[in-house]
Amino acid sequence: MTLVTSIMRAQQLLLARVDAALKPLRLTFARYEMLTLLSFTRDGRMPMASATARLQVHPTSVTNTVDRLEASGHVRREPHPEDGRATLVVLTDSGRALAQRATAALNAQVFEHPGLARDDVEELVGLVARMRRNAGDFEDPRPAPDPL
């Protein structure tokens, strides 16, 4: 029980810090993840189904996230040029700029100061990765990135 409650409390504390960093930018972490995912692609676009798989969330969650980002002008939808059944989500210039500002805020306020020494962070990431793998979280047939 102690393990589970400790992990859940640590998650609450980290989410509070993440939310505080993103709130001035009017972003949730889910929207930030989508913008960042798109910014990592070669041309700032990907099929909605690919975003669902990469973010490991339900398709409805991606649809809702894209709806909100589209309403604020940070992404747009386009028909897939080769697959008429698929829709692409495309990062706009304002979305790319927002992702950069949000990343800077998160780096400064959360990621660079997680509350643990670097060695402890590496050890914890490895432990959590093993826990996730043992729970079947990594189903992608490609090799998982180190330490995952």
Protein backbone atom coordinates (compact mmCIF):
# COMPACT_ATOMS: atom_id res chain seq x y z
CA MET A 1 0.00 0.00 0.00
CA THR A 2 2.80 2.41 0.86
CA LEU A 3 4.28 2.13 -2.64
CA VAL A 4 0.98 2.89 -4.36
CA THR A 5 0.02 5.79 -2.11
CA SER A 6 3.53 7.27 -2.34
CA ILE A 7 3.53 7.13 -6.15
CA MET A 8 0.03 8.58 -6.34
CA ARG A 9 0.94 11.44 -4.00
CA ALA A 10 4.13 12.17 -5.95
CA GLN A 11 2.04 12.27 -9.13
CA GLN A 12 -0.36 14.77 -7.53
CA LEU A 13 2.54 17.00 -6.49
CA LEU A 14 4.14 16.90 -9.94
CA LEU A 15 0.84 17.53 -11.71
CA ALA A 16 0.21 20.55 -9.49
CA ARG A 17 3.60 21.97 -10.52
CA VAL A 18 2.95 21.19 -14.20
CA ASP A 19 -0.51 22.76 -14.05
CA ALA A 20 0.90 25.88 -12.38
CA ALA A 21 3.51 26.25 -15.13
CA LEU A 22 0.99 25.77 -17.95
CA LYS A 23 -1.97 27.70 -16.54
CA PRO A 24 -0.67 31.16 -17.57
CA LEU A 25 -0.42 29.80 -21.13
CA ARG A 26 -3.98 28.44 -20.98
CA LEU A 27 -2.74 24.92 -21.61
CA THR A 28 -3.42 21.58 -20.01
CA PHE A 29 -0.74 18.90 -19.98
CA ALA A 30 -2.75 16.87 -22.52
CA ARG A 31 -2.75 19.82 -24.93
CA TYR A 32 0.93 20.44 -24.30
CA GLU A 33 1.71 16.79 -25.07
CA MET A 34 -0.16 17.03 -28.37
CA LEU A 35 1.60 20.24 -29.41
CA THR A 36 4.97 18.80 -28.45
CA LEU A 37 4.30 15.52 -30.24
CA LEU A 38 3.46 17.41 -33.43
CA SER A 39 6.49 19.67 -33.07
CA PHE A 40 8.73 16.57 -33.03
CA THR A 41 7.47 15.40 -36.42
CA ARG A 42 9.29 16.38 -39.61
CA ASP A 43 6.49 18.53 -40.97
CA GLY A 44 4.34 19.18 -37.89
CA ARG A 45 1.55 16.79 -38.85
CA MET A 46 0.40 13.25 -38.18
CA PRO A 47 -2.72 11.12 -38.47
CA MET A 48 -5.06 11.34 -35.50
CA ALA A 49 -4.76 7.57 -35.02
CA SER A 50 -0.97 7.85 -34.78
CA ALA A 51 -1.30 10.56 -32.14
CA THR A 52 -3.63 8.28 -30.19
CA ALA A 53 -1.10 5.45 -30.30
CA ARG A 54 1.89 7.64 -29.44
CA LEU A 55 0.16 9.34 -26.52
CA GLN A 56 -1.31 6.03 -25.31
CA VAL A 57 -4.76 7.51 -24.73
CA HIS A 58 -8.30 6.81 -25.91
CA PRO A 59 -9.22 8.19 -29.36
CA THR A 60 -11.93 10.34 -27.76
CA SER A 61 -9.28 12.04 -25.62
CA VAL A 62 -7.27 12.94 -28.71
CA THR A 63 -10.39 14.21 -30.46
CA ASN A 64 -11.27 16.43 -27.49
CA THR A 65 -7.71 17.73 -27.21
CA VAL A 66 -7.53 18.49 -30.94
CA ASP A 67 -10.96 20.16 -30.79
CA ARG A 68 -9.74 22.57 -28.12
CA LEU A 69 -6.41 23.24 -29.82
CA GLU A 70 -8.16 23.79 -33.14
CA ALA A 71 -10.63 26.24 -31.57
CA SER A 72 -7.70 28.27 -30.26
CA GLY A 73 -5.89 28.20 -33.62
CA HIS A 74 -2.95 26.04 -32.52
CA VAL A 75 -3.71 23.08 -34.80
CA ARG A 76 -5.91 22.39 -37.79
CA ARG A 77 -7.33 19.24 -39.33
CA GLU A 78 -6.64 18.22 -42.92
CA PRO A 79 -7.76 15.20 -44.93
CA HIS A 80 -5.04 12.57 -45.29
CA PRO A 81 -3.70 12.85 -48.85
CA GLU A 82 -3.49 9.07 -49.36
CA ASP A 83 -6.07 7.60 -46.97
CA GLY A 84 -9.54 9.08 -47.34
CA ARG A 85 -10.60 7.56 -44.02
CA ALA A 86 -7.89 9.31 -42.02
CA THR A 87 -7.54 12.86 -40.76
CA LEU A 88 -4.26 14.65 -40.15
CA VAL A 89 -3.75 16.99 -37.23
CA VAL A 90 -1.42 19.82 -38.27
CA LEU A 91 0.54 22.15 -36.02
CA THR A 92 0.11 25.85 -36.84
CA ASP A 93 2.77 28.52 -36.36
CA SER A 94 1.00 29.73 -33.22
CA GLY A 95 0.88 26.16 -31.92
CA ARG A 96 4.61 25.71 -32.50
CA ALA A 97 5.35 29.00 -30.70
CA LEU A 98 3.10 28.01 -27.80
CA ALA A 99 4.79 24.61 -27.51
CA GLN A 100 8.17 26.35 -27.30
CA ARG A 101 6.97 28.77 -24.60
CA ALA A 102 5.35 25.94 -22.64
CA THR A 103 8.48 23.80 -22.86
CA ALA A 104 10.59 26.69 -21.58
CA ALA A 105 8.19 27.20 -18.66
CA LEU A 106 8.10 23.50 -17.80
CA ASN A 107 11.88 23.19 -18.06
CA ALA A 108 12.41 26.13 -15.72
CA GLN A 109 9.67 25.32 -13.22
CA VAL A 110 9.42 21.52 -13.23
CA PHE A 111 11.73 19.40 -15.38
CA GLU A 112 15.06 20.98 -14.36
CA HIS A 113 14.20 20.85 -10.66
CA PRO A 114 12.25 17.65 -9.98
CA GLY A 115 13.16 17.58 -6.29
CA LEU A 116 15.68 14.74 -6.65
CA ALA A 117 19.36 14.47 -7.47
CA ARG A 118 20.21 13.39 -11.03
CA ASP A 119 21.30 9.91 -9.91
CA ASP A 120 18.05 9.48 -8.00
CA VAL A 121 16.06 10.59 -11.04
CA GLU A 122 17.81 8.04 -13.26
CA GLU A 123 17.23 5.28 -10.71
CA LEU A 124 13.57 6.20 -10.27
CA VAL A 125 12.94 6.37 -14.02
CA GLY A 126 14.47 2.92 -14.37
CA LEU A 127 12.33 1.50 -11.56
CA VAL A 128 9.14 3.00 -12.94
CA ALA A 129 10.03 1.76 -16.43
CA ARG A 130 10.40 -1.78 -15.10
CA MET A 131 7.07 -1.45 -13.30
CA ARG A 132 5.38 -0.24 -16.48
CA ARG A 133 6.98 -2.96 -18.61
CA ASN A 134 5.93 -5.65 -16.13
CA ALA A 135 2.38 -4.30 -16.30
CA GLY A 136 2.39 -4.63 -20.11
CA ASP A 137 2.55 -0.90 -20.81
CA PHE A 138 5.01 -1.25 -23.69
CA GLU A 139 3.23 -3.02 -26.51
CA ASP A 140 5.03 -1.35 -29.41
CA PRO A 141 7.01 -4.01 -31.31
CA ARG A 142 9.92 -1.60 -31.76
CA PRO A 143 12.58 -1.61 -29.03
CA ALA A 144 11.65 0.60 -26.09
CA PRO A 145 13.93 3.63 -25.62
CA ASP A 146 16.48 3.45 -22.84
CA PRO A 147 15.70 3.39 -19.92
CA LEU A 148 12.24 2.30 -20.99
